[in-house]
C-alpha cells in the first residue's frame, strides 16, 4: 500500500501530521445532526496516518458562504481508536475567497498553521 497524502508535516525525520484537503464543504459531507466528517473522509485520513505512522491528521475543507458547520479557522477535533492507537483528527475550513487579494495566501497559511498548532497541542495533552 502506497499513500501519498496531500501534505505530510514533518519535524526533521519525525512525521507530525497528515493533511488531507477536501474539495467539498464539510456540511455537504456530514449529517447536520452530528457535524462531523463523512466516514469515508475519516477512513482515508486514518489510512494515510497509519501508512505514515502518524497519530495526528487534519481534514481541510473550503469555507463557502452560508456554510454553518465550521466558521473560518474554527477547528473541530475528534479522537479515534484505530490499530491500537488513539488518533487525533481535526477538521478546519479555510476561506478560499482570501485568494482574491495579494495577502490571501499568507492569511490562509497563517490560519492553517494556527489550526495545526492547536491540533498538535490537543494531541499531546490527550
PDB file of N, CA and C in Angstrom:
ATOM      1  N   UNK A   1       0.853  -1.187   0.000  1.00  0.00           N
ATOM      2  CA  UNK A   1       0.000   0.000   0.000  1.00  0.00           C
ATOM      3  C   UNK A   1       0.882   1.227   0.000  1.00  0.00           C
ATOM      4  N   UNK A   2       0.637   2.094  -0.948  1.00  0.00           N
ATOM      5  CA  UNK A   2       1.382   3.340  -1.025  1.00  0.00           C
ATOM      6  C   UNK A   2       0.403   4.479  -0.843  1.00  0.00           C
ATOM      7  N   UNK A   3       0.726   5.366   0.064  1.00  0.00           N
ATOM      8  CA  UNK A   3      -0.153   6.501   0.336  1.00  0.00           C
ATOM      9  C   UNK A   3       0.636   7.787   0.189  1.00  0.00           C
ATOM     10  N   UNK A   4       0.099   8.669  -0.598  1.00  0.00           N
ATOM     11  CA  UNK A   4       0.713   9.979  -0.726  1.00  0.00           C
ATOM     12  C   UNK A   4      -0.339  11.019  -0.353  1.00  0.00           C
ATOM     13  N   UNK A   5      -0.334  11.449   0.918  1.00  0.00           N
ATOM     14  CA  UNK A   5      -1.330  12.433   1.330  1.00  0.00           C
ATOM     15  C   UNK A   5      -1.068  13.774   0.663  1.00  0.00           C
ATOM     16  N   UNK A   6      -2.049  14.663   0.761  1.00  0.00           N
ATOM     17  CA  UNK A   6      -1.875  15.989   0.182  1.00  0.00           C
ATOM     18  C   UNK A   6      -0.640  16.666   0.765  1.00  0.00           C
ATOM     19  N   UNK A   7      -0.449  16.531   2.066  1.00  0.00           N
ATOM     20  CA  UNK A   7       0.748  17.056   2.726  1.00  0.00           C
ATOM     21  C   UNK A   7       1.075  16.195   3.929  1.00  0.00           C
ATOM     22  N   UNK A   8       2.345  16.069   4.191  1.00  0.00           N
ATOM     23  CA  UNK A   8       2.825  15.360   5.363  1.00  0.00           C
ATOM     24  C   UNK A   8       3.748  16.328   6.100  1.00  0.00           C
ATOM     25  N   UNK A   9       3.309  16.762   7.259  1.00  0.00           N
ATOM     26  CA  UNK A   9       4.082  17.707   8.059  1.00  0.00           C
ATOM     27  C   UNK A   9       5.127  16.927   8.851  1.00  0.00           C
ATOM     28  N   UNK A  10       6.383  17.337   8.725  1.00  0.00           N
ATOM     29  CA  UNK A  10       7.465  16.646   9.424  1.00  0.00           C
ATOM     30  C   UNK A  10       8.277  17.629  10.259  1.00  0.00           C
ATOM     31  N   UNK A  11       8.948  17.069  11.230  1.00  0.00           N
ATOM     32  CA  UNK A  11       9.898  17.815  12.053  1.00  0.00           C
ATOM     33  C   UNK A  11      11.194  17.021  11.971  1.00  0.00           C
ATOM     34  N   UNK A  12      12.014  17.380  11.006  1.00  0.00           N
ATOM     35  CA  UNK A  12      13.193  16.566  10.729  1.00  0.00           C
ATOM     36  C   UNK A  12      12.729  15.253  10.124  1.00  0.00           C
ATOM     37  N   UNK A  13      13.082  14.148  10.749  1.00  0.00           N
ATOM     38  CA  UNK A  13      12.663  12.826  10.276  1.00  0.00           C
ATOM     39  C   UNK A  13      11.326  12.392  10.863  1.00  0.00           C
ATOM     40  N   UNK A  14      10.876  13.077  11.918  1.00  0.00           N
ATOM     41  CA  UNK A  14       9.642  12.685  12.614  1.00  0.00           C
ATOM     42  C   UNK A  14       8.421  13.185  11.851  1.00  0.00           C
ATOM     43  N   UNK A  15       7.472  12.282  11.611  1.00  0.00           N
ATOM     44  CA  UNK A  15       6.220  12.647  10.945  1.00  0.00           C
ATOM     45  C   UNK A  15       5.269  13.187  11.998  1.00  0.00           C
ATOM     46  N   UNK A  16       4.768  14.396  11.780  1.00  0.00           N
ATOM     47  CA  UNK A  16       3.985  15.099  12.790  1.00  0.00           C
ATOM     48  C   UNK A  16       2.491  15.048  12.492  1.00  0.00           C
ATOM     49  N   UNK A  17       2.091  15.317  11.244  1.00  0.00           N
ATOM     50  CA  UNK A  17       0.665  15.344  10.913  1.00  0.00           C
ATOM     51  C   UNK A  17       0.444  15.094   9.425  1.00  0.00           C
ATOM     52  N   UNK A  18      -0.659  14.427   9.133  1.00  0.00           N
ATOM     53  CA  UNK A  18      -1.108  14.226   7.759  1.00  0.00           C
ATOM     54  C   UNK A  18      -2.171  15.280   7.477  1.00  0.00           C
ATOM     55  N   UNK A  19      -2.056  15.947   6.331  1.00  0.00           N
ATOM     56  CA  UNK A  19      -3.014  16.973   5.923  1.00  0.00           C
ATOM     57  C   UNK A  19      -3.721  16.472   4.664  1.00  0.00           C
ATOM     58  N   UNK A  20      -5.051  16.417   4.726  1.00  0.00           N
ATOM     59  CA  UNK A  20      -5.835  15.938   3.595  1.00  0.00           C
ATOM     60  C   UNK A  20      -6.840  17.017   3.194  1.00  0.00           C
ATOM     61  N   UNK A  21      -6.648  17.603   2.024  1.00  0.00           N
ATOM     62  CA  UNK A  21      -7.551  18.645   1.522  1.00  0.00           C
ATOM     63  C   UNK A  21      -8.754  18.001   0.861  1.00  0.00           C
ATOM     64  N   UNK A  22      -9.912  18.550   1.156  1.00  0.00           N
ATOM     65  CA  UNK A  22     -11.162  18.078   0.555  1.00  0.00           C
ATOM     66  C   UNK A  22     -11.690  19.164  -0.365  1.00  0.00           C
ATOM     67  N   UNK A  23     -12.406  18.746  -1.367  1.00  0.00           N
ATOM     68  CA  UNK A  23     -12.925  19.690  -2.349  1.00  0.00           C
ATOM     69  C   UNK A  23     -14.450  19.728  -2.284  1.00  0.00           C
ATOM     70  N   UNK A  24     -14.944  19.757  -1.050  1.00  0.00           N
ATOM     71  CA  UNK A  24     -16.369  19.865  -0.770  1.00  0.00           C
ATOM     72  C   UNK A  24     -16.509  20.504   0.594  1.00  0.00           C
ATOM     73  N   UNK A  25     -17.665  21.116   0.850  1.00  0.00           N
ATOM     74  CA  UNK A  25     -17.897  21.698   2.171  1.00  0.00           C
ATOM     75  C   UNK A  25     -18.089  20.583   3.191  1.00  0.00           C
ATOM     76  N   UNK A  26     -17.708  20.840   4.412  1.00  0.00           N
ATOM     77  CA  UNK A  26     -17.961  19.868   5.476  1.00  0.00           C
ATOM     78  C   UNK A  26     -19.454  19.596   5.578  1.00  0.00           C
ATOM     79  N   UNK A  27     -20.282  20.624   5.435  1.00  0.00           N
ATOM     80  CA  UNK A  27     -21.728  20.420   5.557  1.00  0.00           C
ATOM     81  C   UNK A  27     -22.286  19.556   4.428  1.00  0.00           C
ATOM     82  N   UNK A  28     -21.588  19.468   3.291  1.00  0.00           N
ATOM     83  CA  UNK A  28     -22.028  18.589   2.211  1.00  0.00           C
ATOM     84  C   UNK A  28     -21.695  17.134   2.504  1.00  0.00           C
ATOM     85  N   UNK A  29     -20.744  16.911   3.387  1.00  0.00           N
ATOM     86  CA  UNK A  29     -20.283  15.549   3.625  1.00  0.00           C
ATOM     87  C   UNK A  29     -20.700  15.022   4.987  1.00  0.00           C
ATOM     88  N   UNK A  30     -21.454  15.797   5.747  1.00  0.00           N
ATOM     89  CA  UNK A  30     -21.844  15.342   7.073  1.00  0.00           C
ATOM     90  C   UNK A  30     -23.345  15.469   7.253  1.00  0.00           C
ATOM     91  N   UNK A  31     -23.834  14.756   8.238  1.00  0.00           N
ATOM     92  CA  UNK A  31     -25.223  14.960   8.629  1.00  0.00           C
ATOM     93  C   UNK A  31     -25.261  16.179   9.532  1.00  0.00           C
ATOM     94  N   UNK A  32     -26.217  17.052   9.339  1.00  0.00           N
ATOM     95  CA  UNK A  32     -26.285  18.257  10.164  1.00  0.00           C
ATOM     96  C   UNK A  32     -26.411  17.941  11.637  1.00  0.00           C
ATOM     97  N   UNK A  33     -26.883  16.726  11.961  1.00  0.00           N
ATOM     98  CA  UNK A  33     -27.067  16.353  13.362  1.00  0.00           C
ATOM     99  C   UNK A  33     -25.739  16.188  14.087  1.00  0.00           C
ATOM    100  N   UNK A  34     -24.785  15.532  13.424  1.00  0.00           N
ATOM    101  CA  UNK A  34     -23.551  15.193  14.132  1.00  0.00           C
ATOM    102  C   UNK A  34     -22.390  16.123  13.831  1.00  0.00           C
ATOM    103  N   UNK A  35     -22.487  16.923  12.809  1.00  0.00           N
ATOM    104  CA  UNK A  35     -21.470  17.908  12.463  1.00  0.00           C
ATOM    105  C   UNK A  35     -20.058  17.327  12.443  1.00  0.00           C
ATOM    106  N   UNK A  36     -19.928  16.160  11.870  1.00  0.00           N
ATOM    107  CA  UNK A  36     -18.596  15.572  11.750  1.00  0.00           C
ATOM    108  C   UNK A  36     -18.384  15.099  10.315  1.00  0.00           C
ATOM    109  N   UNK A  37     -17.143  14.883   9.941  1.00  0.00           N
ATOM    110  CA  UNK A  37     -16.855  14.471   8.564  1.00  0.00           C
ATOM    111  C   UNK A  37     -17.499  13.131   8.227  1.00  0.00           C
ATOM    112  N   UNK A  38     -17.697  12.937   6.949  1.00  0.00           N
ATOM    113  CA  UNK A  38     -18.206  11.678   6.428  1.00  0.00           C
ATOM    114  C   UNK A  38     -17.227  10.562   6.792  1.00  0.00           C
ATOM    115  N   UNK A  39     -17.744   9.374   7.055  1.00  0.00           N
ATOM    116  CA  UNK A  39     -16.870   8.249   7.401  1.00  0.00           C
ATOM    117  C   UNK A  39     -15.783   8.037   6.349  1.00  0.00           C
ATOM    118  N   UNK A  40     -16.127   8.164   5.083  1.00  0.00           N
ATOM    119  CA  UNK A  40     -15.151   7.961   4.011  1.00  0.00           C
ATOM    120  C   UNK A  40     -13.965   8.909   4.151  1.00  0.00           C
ATOM    121  N   UNK A  41     -14.228  10.170   4.486  1.00  0.00           N
ATOM    122  CA  UNK A  41     -13.149  11.136   4.667  1.00  0.00           C
ATOM    123  C   UNK A  41     -12.243  10.721   5.823  1.00  0.00           C
ATOM    124  N   UNK A  42     -12.855  10.285   6.909  1.00  0.00           N
ATOM    125  CA  UNK A  42     -12.082   9.856   8.085  1.00  0.00           C
ATOM    126  C   UNK A  42     -11.291   8.597   7.760  1.00  0.00           C
ATOM    127  N   UNK A  43     -11.899   7.635   7.066  1.00  0.00           N
ATOM    128  CA  UNK A  43     -11.193   6.399   6.704  1.00  0.00           C
ATOM    129  C   UNK A  43      -9.966   6.692   5.851  1.00  0.00           C
ATOM    130  N   UNK A  44     -10.121   7.592   4.875  1.00  0.00           N
ATOM    131  CA  UNK A  44      -8.980   7.948   4.012  1.00  0.00           C
ATOM    132  C   UNK A  44      -7.858   8.564   4.836  1.00  0.00           C
ATOM    133  N   UNK A  45      -8.226   9.454   5.744  1.00  0.00           N
ATOM    134  CA  UNK A  45      -7.221  10.111   6.578  1.00  0.00           C
ATOM    135  C   UNK A  45      -6.545   9.109   7.506  1.00  0.00           C
ATOM    136  N   UNK A  46      -7.337   8.241   8.142  1.00  0.00           N
ATOM    137  CA  UNK A  46      -6.768   7.235   9.052  1.00  0.00           C
ATOM    138  C   UNK A  46      -5.850   6.282   8.294  1.00  0.00           C
ATOM    139  N   UNK A  47      -6.227   5.917   7.076  1.00  0.00           N
ATOM    140  CA  UNK A  47      -5.360   5.038   6.269  1.00  0.00           C
ATOM    141  C   UNK A  47      -4.017   5.715   5.999  1.00  0.00           C
ATOM    142  N   UNK A  48      -4.041   6.990   5.635  1.00  0.00           N
ATOM    143  CA  UNK A  48      -2.786   7.718   5.383  1.00  0.00           C
ATOM    144  C   UNK A  48      -1.985   7.880   6.661  1.00  0.00           C
ATOM    145  N   UNK A  49      -2.670   8.163   7.779  1.00  0.00           N
ATOM    146  CA  UNK A  49      -1.979   8.308   9.061  1.00  0.00           C
ATOM    147  C   UNK A  49      -1.308   6.991   9.457  1.00  0.00           C
ATOM    148  N   UNK A  50      -2.014   5.894   9.248  1.00  0.00           N
ATOM    149  CA  UNK A  50      -1.463   4.574   9.587  1.00  0.00           C
ATOM    150  C   UNK A  50      -0.274   4.244   8.695  1.00  0.00           C
ATOM    151  N   UNK A  51      -0.422   4.497   7.400  1.00  0.00           N
ATOM    152  CA  UNK A  51       0.660   4.206   6.454  1.00  0.00           C
ATOM    153  C   UNK A  51       1.923   4.994   6.780  1.00  0.00           C
ATOM    154  N   UNK A  52       1.749   6.195   7.302  1.00  0.00           N
ATOM    155  CA  UNK A  52       2.893   7.056   7.596  1.00  0.00           C
ATOM    156  C   UNK A  52       3.255   7.072   9.080  1.00  0.00           C
ATOM    157  N   UNK A  53       2.625   6.174   9.854  1.00  0.00           N
ATOM    158  CA  UNK A  53       2.904   6.048  11.293  1.00  0.00           C
ATOM    159  C   UNK A  53       2.808   7.404  11.985  1.00  0.00           C
ATOM    160  N   UNK A  54       1.676   8.054  11.769  1.00  0.00           N
ATOM    161  CA  UNK A  54       1.445   9.389  12.291  1.00  0.00           C
ATOM    162  C   UNK A  54       0.129   9.370  13.068  1.00  0.00           C
ATOM    163  N   UNK A  55       0.107   9.931  14.258  1.00  0.00           N
ATOM    164  CA  UNK A  55      -1.077   9.860  15.113  1.00  0.00           C
ATOM    165  C   UNK A  55      -1.948  11.116  15.058  1.00  0.00           C
ATOM    166  N   UNK A  56      -1.604  12.080  14.212  1.00  0.00           N
ATOM    167  CA  UNK A  56      -2.373  13.310  14.100  1.00  0.00           C
ATOM    168  C   UNK A  56      -2.644  13.595  12.628  1.00  0.00           C
ATOM    169  N   UNK A  57      -3.893  13.980  12.333  1.00  0.00           N
ATOM    170  CA  UNK A  57      -4.251  14.308  10.957  1.00  0.00           C
ATOM    171  C   UNK A  57      -5.327  15.377  10.935  1.00  0.00           C
ATOM    172  N   UNK A  58      -5.385  16.104   9.837  1.00  0.00           N
ATOM    173  CA  UNK A  58      -6.367  17.179   9.707  1.00  0.00           C
ATOM    174  C   UNK A  58      -6.996  17.145   8.321  1.00  0.00           C
ATOM    175  N   UNK A  59      -8.306  17.316   8.294  1.00  0.00           N
ATOM    176  CA  UNK A  59      -9.064  17.460   7.059  1.00  0.00           C
ATOM    177  C   UNK A  59      -9.285  18.946   6.834  1.00  0.00           C
ATOM    178  N   UNK A  60      -8.947  19.418   5.649  1.00  0.00           N
ATOM    179  CA  UNK A  60      -9.084  20.834   5.332  1.00  0.00           C
ATOM    180  C   UNK A  60     -10.172  20.986   4.275  1.00  0.00           C
ATOM    181  N   UNK A  61     -11.224  21.695   4.648  1.00  0.00           N
ATOM    182  CA  UNK A  61     -12.359  21.925   3.766  1.00  0.00           C
ATOM    183  C   UNK A  61     -12.369  23.381   3.316  1.00  0.00           C
ATOM    184  N   UNK A  62     -12.930  23.656   2.136  1.00  0.00           N
ATOM    185  CA  UNK A  62     -13.099  25.054   1.737  1.00  0.00           C
ATOM    186  C   UNK A  62     -14.260  25.670   2.516  1.00  0.00           C
ATOM    187  N   UNK A  63     -14.094  26.887   2.932  1.00  0.00           N
ATOM    188  CA  UNK A  63     -15.172  27.628   3.580  1.00  0.00           C
ATOM    189  C   UNK A  63     -15.997  28.262   2.483  1.00  0.00           C
ATOM    190  N   UNK A  64     -17.284  27.987   2.502  1.00  0.00           N
ATOM    191  CA  UNK A  64     -18.183  28.500   1.479  1.00  0.00           C
ATOM    192  C   UNK A  64     -19.228  29.370   2.151  1.00  0.00           C
ATOM    193  N   UNK A  65     -19.557  30.493   1.532  1.00  0.00           N
ATOM    194  CA  UNK A  65     -20.552  31.403   2.078  1.00  0.00           C
ATOM    195  C   UNK A  65     -21.822  30.632   2.422  1.00  0.00           C
ATOM    196  N   UNK A  66     -22.297  30.828   3.632  1.00  0.00           N
ATOM    197  CA  UNK A  66     -23.509  30.160   4.075  1.00  0.00           C
ATOM    198  C   UNK A  66     -23.267  28.831   4.769  1.00  0.00           C
ATOM    199  N   UNK A  67     -22.043  28.368   4.780  1.00  0.00           N
ATOM    200  CA  UNK A  67     -21.723  27.108   5.462  1.00  0.00           C
ATOM    201  C   UNK A  67     -21.838  27.336   6.959  1.00  0.00           C
ATOM    202  N   UNK A  68     -22.632  26.542   7.632  1.00  0.00           N
ATOM    203  CA  UNK A  68     -22.901  26.782   9.048  1.00  0.00           C
ATOM    204  C   UNK A  68     -22.114  25.874   9.983  1.00  0.00           C
ATOM    205  N   UNK A  69     -21.511  24.825   9.476  1.00  0.00           N
ATOM    206  CA  UNK A  69     -20.885  23.862  10.373  1.00  0.00           C
ATOM    207  C   UNK A  69     -19.529  24.295  10.890  1.00  0.00           C
ATOM    208  N   UNK A  70     -18.746  24.939  10.066  1.00  0.00           N
ATOM    209  CA  UNK A  70     -17.435  25.399  10.503  1.00  0.00           C
ATOM    210  C   UNK A  70     -17.284  26.867  10.153  1.00  0.00           C
ATOM    211  N   UNK A  71     -16.972  27.660  11.152  1.00  0.00           N
ATOM    212  CA  UNK A  71     -16.621  29.043  10.875  1.00  0.00           C
ATOM    213  C   UNK A  71     -15.188  29.048  10.376  1.00  0.00           C
ATOM    214  N   UNK A  72     -14.813  30.100   9.661  1.00  0.00           N
ATOM    215  CA  UNK A  72     -13.449  30.199   9.176  1.00  0.00           C
ATOM    216  C   UNK A  72     -12.490  30.062  10.353  1.00  0.00           C
ATOM    217  N   UNK A  73     -11.546  29.179  10.223  1.00  0.00           N
ATOM    218  CA  UNK A  73     -10.488  28.928  11.203  1.00  0.00           C
ATOM    219  C   UNK A  73     -10.956  28.156  12.437  1.00  0.00           C
ATOM    220  N   UNK A  74     -12.231  27.805  12.539  1.00  0.00           N
ATOM    221  CA  UNK A  74     -12.691  27.020  13.684  1.00  0.00           C
ATOM    222  C   UNK A  74     -12.219  25.587  13.514  1.00  0.00           C
ATOM    223  N   UNK A  75     -11.556  25.070  14.517  1.00  0.00           N
ATOM    224  CA  UNK A  75     -11.056  23.706  14.483  1.00  0.00           C
ATOM    225  C   UNK A  75     -11.989  22.809  15.278  1.00  0.00           C
ATOM    226  N   UNK A  76     -12.410  21.709  14.663  1.00  0.00           N
ATOM    227  CA  UNK A  76     -13.141  20.677  15.384  1.00  0.00           C
ATOM    228  C   UNK A  76     -12.198  19.497  15.522  1.00  0.00           C
ATOM    229  N   UNK A  77     -12.267  18.829  16.677  1.00  0.00           N
ATOM    230  CA  UNK A  77     -11.336  17.733  16.960  1.00  0.00           C
ATOM    231  C   UNK A  77     -12.109  16.507  17.421  1.00  0.00           C
ATOM    232  N   UNK A  78     -11.681  15.348  16.923  1.00  0.00           N
ATOM    233  CA  UNK A  78     -12.226  14.056  17.336  1.00  0.00           C
ATOM    234  C   UNK A  78     -11.069  13.123  17.644  1.00  0.00           C
ATOM    235  N   UNK A  79     -11.347  12.132  18.468  1.00  0.00           N
ATOM    236  CA  UNK A  79     -10.356  11.118  18.798  1.00  0.00           C
ATOM    237  C   UNK A  79     -10.898   9.779  18.320  1.00  0.00           C
ATOM    238  N   UNK A  80     -10.048   9.029  17.625  1.00  0.00           N
ATOM    239  CA  UNK A  80     -10.453   7.769  17.024  1.00  0.00           C
ATOM    240  C   UNK A  80      -9.488   6.681  17.486  1.00  0.00           C
ATOM    241  N   UNK A  81     -10.043   5.556  17.916  1.00  0.00           N
ATOM    242  CA  UNK A  81      -9.211   4.403  18.243  1.00  0.00           C
ATOM    243  C   UNK A  81      -9.048   3.581  16.967  1.00  0.00           C
ATOM    244  N   UNK A  82      -7.808   3.362  16.548  1.00  0.00           N
ATOM    245  CA  UNK A  82      -7.542   2.578  15.343  1.00  0.00           C
ATOM    246  C   UNK A  82      -6.200   1.892  15.482  1.00  0.00           C
ATOM    247  N   UNK A  83      -6.189   0.609  15.193  1.00  0.00           N
ATOM    248  CA  UNK A  83      -4.959  -0.174  15.191  1.00  0.00           C
ATOM    249  C   UNK A  83      -4.201  -0.059  16.516  1.00  0.00           C
ATOM    250  N   UNK A  84      -4.956  -0.030  17.605  1.00  0.00           N
ATOM    251  CA  UNK A  84      -4.352   0.003  18.929  1.00  0.00           C
ATOM    252  C   UNK A  84      -3.815   1.356  19.354  1.00  0.00           C
ATOM    253  N   UNK A  85      -4.146   2.408  18.610  1.00  0.00           N
ATOM    254  CA  UNK A  85      -3.654   3.741  18.943  1.00  0.00           C
ATOM    255  C   UNK A  85      -4.816   4.721  19.018  1.00  0.00           C
ATOM    256  N   UNK A  86      -4.625   5.761  19.792  1.00  0.00           N
ATOM    257  CA  UNK A  86      -5.600   6.838  19.853  1.00  0.00           C
ATOM    258  C   UNK A  86      -5.131   7.938  18.897  1.00  0.00           C
ATOM    259  N   UNK A  87      -5.884   8.128  17.836  1.00  0.00           N
ATOM    260  CA  UNK A  87      -5.533   9.108  16.815  1.00  0.00           C
ATOM    261  C   UNK A  87      -6.310  10.398  17.045  1.00  0.00           C
ATOM    262  N   UNK A  88      -5.661  11.508  16.769  1.00  0.00           N
ATOM    263  CA  UNK A  88      -6.291  12.815  16.888  1.00  0.00           C
ATOM    264  C   UNK A  88      -6.572  13.324  15.482  1.00  0.00           C
ATOM    265  N   UNK A  89      -7.860  13.602  15.219  1.00  0.00           N
ATOM    266  CA  UNK A  89      -8.280  14.047  13.899  1.00  0.00           C
ATOM    267  C   UNK A  89      -8.966  15.399  14.027  1.00  0.00           C
ATOM    268  N   UNK A  90      -8.571  16.326  13.186  1.00  0.00           N
ATOM    269  CA  UNK A  90      -9.182  17.649  13.185  1.00  0.00           C
ATOM    270  C   UNK A  90      -9.795  17.966  11.841  1.00  0.00           C
ATOM    271  N   UNK A  91     -10.680  18.948  11.848  1.00  0.00           N
ATOM    272  CA  UNK A  91     -11.263  19.466  10.617  1.00  0.00           C
ATOM    273  C   UNK A  91     -11.305  20.986  10.731  1.00  0.00           C
ATOM    274  N   UNK A  92     -10.936  21.646   9.651  1.00  0.00           N
ATOM    275  CA  UNK A  92     -10.930  23.106   9.617  1.00  0.00           C
ATOM    276  C   UNK A  92     -11.406  23.550   8.238  1.00  0.00           C
ATOM    277  N   UNK A  93     -12.074  24.690   8.196  1.00  0.00           N
ATOM    278  CA  UNK A  93     -12.495  25.277   6.930  1.00  0.00           C
ATOM    279  C   UNK A  93     -11.642  26.513   6.656  1.00  0.00           C
ATOM    280  N   UNK A  94     -11.159  26.609   5.445  1.00  0.00           N
ATOM    281  CA  UNK A  94     -10.322  27.727   5.038  1.00  0.00           C
ATOM    282  C   UNK A  94     -11.076  28.546   3.993  1.00  0.00           C
ATOM    283  N   UNK A  95     -11.125  29.851   4.192  1.00  0.00           N
ATOM    284  CA  UNK A  95     -11.832  30.751   3.287  1.00  0.00           C
ATOM    285  C   UNK A  95     -10.987  31.004   2.042  1.00  0.00           C
ATOM    286  N   UNK A  96     -11.318  30.323   0.971  1.00  0.00           N
ATOM    287  CA  UNK A  96     -10.559  30.456  -0.269  1.00  0.00           C
ATOM    288  C   UNK A  96     -10.789  31.794  -0.961  1.00  0.00           C
ATOM    289  N   UNK A  97     -11.799  32.525  -0.513  1.00  0.00           N
ATOM    290  CA  UNK A  97     -12.029  33.863  -1.075  1.00  0.00           C
ATOM    291  C   UNK A  97     -10.877  34.804  -0.712  1.00  0.00           C
ATOM    292  N   UNK A  98     -10.076  34.417   0.254  1.00  0.00           N
ATOM    293  CA  UNK A  98      -8.889  35.211   0.610  1.00  0.00           C
ATOM    294  C   UNK A  98      -7.940  35.324  -0.580  1.00  0.00           C
ATOM    295  N   UNK A  99      -8.027  34.380  -1.499  1.00  0.00           N
ATOM    296  CA  UNK A  99      -7.121  34.379  -2.648  1.00  0.00           C
ATOM    297  C   UNK A  99      -7.412  35.506  -3.638  1.00  0.00           C
ATOM    298  N   UNK A 100      -8.462  36.271  -3.392  1.00  0.00           N
ATOM    299  CA  UNK A 100      -8.792  37.388  -4.280  1.00  0.00           C
ATOM    300  C   UNK A 100      -7.809  38.539  -4.146  1.00  0.00           C
ATOM    301  N   UNK A 101      -7.059  38.583  -3.061  1.00  0.00           N
ATOM    302  CA  UNK A 101      -6.125  39.702  -2.896  1.00  0.00           C
ATOM    303  C   UNK A 101      -4.720  39.174  -2.617  1.00  0.00           C
ATOM    304  N   UNK A 102      -3.756  40.056  -2.764  1.00  0.00           N
ATOM    305  CA  UNK A 102      -2.342  39.669  -2.712  1.00  0.00           C
ATOM    306  C   UNK A 102      -1.928  39.015  -1.403  1.00  0.00           C
ATOM    307  N   UNK A 103      -2.499  39.413  -0.291  1.00  0.00           N
ATOM    308  CA  UNK A 103      -2.130  38.859   1.020  1.00  0.00           C
ATOM    309  C   UNK A 103      -2.833  37.533   1.319  1.00  0.00           C
ATOM    310  N   UNK A 104      -3.718  37.105   0.432  1.00  0.00           N
ATOM    311  CA  UNK A 104      -4.562  35.943   0.690  1.00  0.00           C
ATOM    312  C   UNK A 104      -3.821  34.664   1.017  1.00  0.00           C
ATOM    313  N   UNK A 105      -2.788  34.368   0.262  1.00  0.00           N
ATOM    314  CA  UNK A 105      -2.035  33.138   0.509  1.00  0.00           C
ATOM    315  C   UNK A 105      -1.392  33.158   1.889  1.00  0.00           C
ATOM    316  N   UNK A 106      -0.858  34.292   2.270  1.00  0.00           N
ATOM    317  CA  UNK A 106      -0.240  34.415   3.587  1.00  0.00           C
ATOM    318  C   UNK A 106      -1.280  34.226   4.694  1.00  0.00           C
ATOM    319  N   UNK A 107      -2.450  34.805   4.513  1.00  0.00           N
ATOM    320  CA  UNK A 107      -3.522  34.679   5.506  1.00  0.00           C
ATOM    321  C   UNK A 107      -3.961  33.223   5.631  1.00  0.00           C
ATOM    322  N   UNK A 108      -4.156  32.554   4.497  1.00  0.00           N
ATOM    323  CA  UNK A 108      -4.546  31.142   4.520  1.00  0.00           C
ATOM    324  C   UNK A 108      -3.464  30.316   5.204  1.00  0.00           C
ATOM    325  N   UNK A 109      -2.211  30.557   4.886  1.00  0.00           N
ATOM    326  CA  UNK A 109      -1.108  29.834   5.528  1.00  0.00           C
ATOM    327  C   UNK A 109      -1.129  30.036   7.045  1.00  0.00           C
ATOM    328  N   UNK A 110      -1.372  31.270   7.480  1.00  0.00           N
ATOM    329  CA  UNK A 110      -1.419  31.551   8.922  1.00  0.00           C
ATOM    330  C   UNK A 110      -2.581  30.823   9.589  1.00  0.00           C
ATOM    331  N   UNK A 111      -3.753  30.812   8.951  1.00  0.00           N
ATOM    332  CA  UNK A 111      -4.920  30.147   9.514  1.00  0.00           C
ATOM    333  C   UNK A 111      -4.671  28.643   9.627  1.00  0.00           C
ATOM    334  N   UNK A 112      -4.096  28.060   8.595  1.00  0.00           N
ATOM    335  CA  UNK A 112      -3.822  26.624   8.615  1.00  0.00           C
ATOM    336  C   UNK A 112      -2.752  26.293   9.651  1.00  0.00           C
ATOM    337  N   UNK A 113      -1.716  27.109   9.736  1.00  0.00           N
ATOM    338  CA  UNK A 113      -0.663  26.889  10.740  1.00  0.00           C
ATOM    339  C   UNK A 113      -1.237  26.970  12.152  1.00  0.00           C
ATOM    340  N   UNK A 114      -2.114  27.922  12.390  1.00  0.00           N
ATOM    341  CA  UNK A 114      -2.746  28.070  13.702  1.00  0.00           C
ATOM    342  C   UNK A 114      -3.594  26.840  14.037  1.00  0.00           C
ATOM    343  N   UNK A 115      -4.353  26.353  13.062  1.00  0.00           N
ATOM    344  CA  UNK A 115      -5.177  25.154  13.283  1.00  0.00           C
ATOM    345  C   UNK A 115      -4.293  23.941  13.588  1.00  0.00           C
ATOM    346  N   UNK A 116      -3.193  23.802  12.855  1.00  0.00           N
ATOM    347  CA  UNK A 116      -2.285  22.680  13.093  1.00  0.00           C
ATOM    348  C   UNK A 116      -1.632  22.770  14.470  1.00  0.00           C
ATOM    349  N   UNK A 117      -1.208  23.945  14.881  1.00  0.00           N
ATOM    350  CA  UNK A 117      -0.627  24.115  16.217  1.00  0.00           C
ATOM    351  C   UNK A 117      -1.635  23.733  17.296  1.00  0.00           C
ATOM    352  N   UNK A 118      -2.872  24.183  17.124  1.00  0.00           N
ATOM    353  CA  UNK A 118      -3.941  23.871  18.061  1.00  0.00           C
ATOM    354  C   UNK A 118      -4.179  22.361  18.108  1.00  0.00           C
ATOM    355  N   UNK A 119      -4.257  21.728  16.954  1.00  0.00           N
ATOM    356  CA  UNK A 119      -4.480  20.289  16.875  1.00  0.00           C
ATOM    357  C   UNK A 119      -3.349  19.515  17.529  1.00  0.00           C
ATOM    358  N   UNK A 120      -2.121  19.885  17.237  1.00  0.00           N
ATOM    359  CA  UNK A 120      -0.973  19.186  17.802  1.00  0.00           C
ATOM    360  C   UNK A 120      -0.911  19.354  19.317  1.00  0.00           C
ATOM    361  N   UNK A 121      -1.280  20.510  19.829  1.00  0.00           N
ATOM    362  CA  UNK A 121      -1.277  20.706  21.283  1.00  0.00           C
ATOM    363  C   UNK A 121      -2.349  19.845  21.952  1.00  0.00           C
ATOM    364  N   UNK A 122      -3.473  19.627  21.278  1.00  0.00           N
ATOM    365  CA  UNK A 122      -4.527  18.772  21.822  1.00  0.00           C
ATOM    366  C   UNK A 122      -4.099  17.309  21.832  1.00  0.00           C
ATOM    367  N   UNK A 123      -3.337  16.898  20.823  1.00  0.00           N
ATOM    368  CA  UNK A 123      -2.880  15.506  20.786  1.00  0.00           C
ATOM    369  C   UNK A 123      -1.902  15.242  21.929  1.00  0.00           C
ATOM    370  N   UNK A 124      -1.011  16.162  22.186  1.00  0.00           N
ATOM    371  CA  UNK A 124      -0.020  15.960  23.237  1.00  0.00           C
ATOM    372  C   UNK A 124      -0.656  15.919  24.616  1.00  0.00           C
ATOM    373  N   UNK A 125      -1.703  16.710  24.802  1.00  0.00           N
ATOM    374  CA  UNK A 125      -2.374  16.786  26.107  1.00  0.00           C
ATOM    375  C   UNK A 125      -3.197  15.553  26.365  1.00  0.00           C
ATOM    376  N   UNK A 126      -3.811  15.012  25.309  1.00  0.00           N
ATOM    377  CA  UNK A 126      -4.750  13.908  25.494  1.00  0.00           C
ATOM    378  C   UNK A 126      -4.083  12.585  25.782  1.00  0.00           C
TER     379      UNK A 126
END
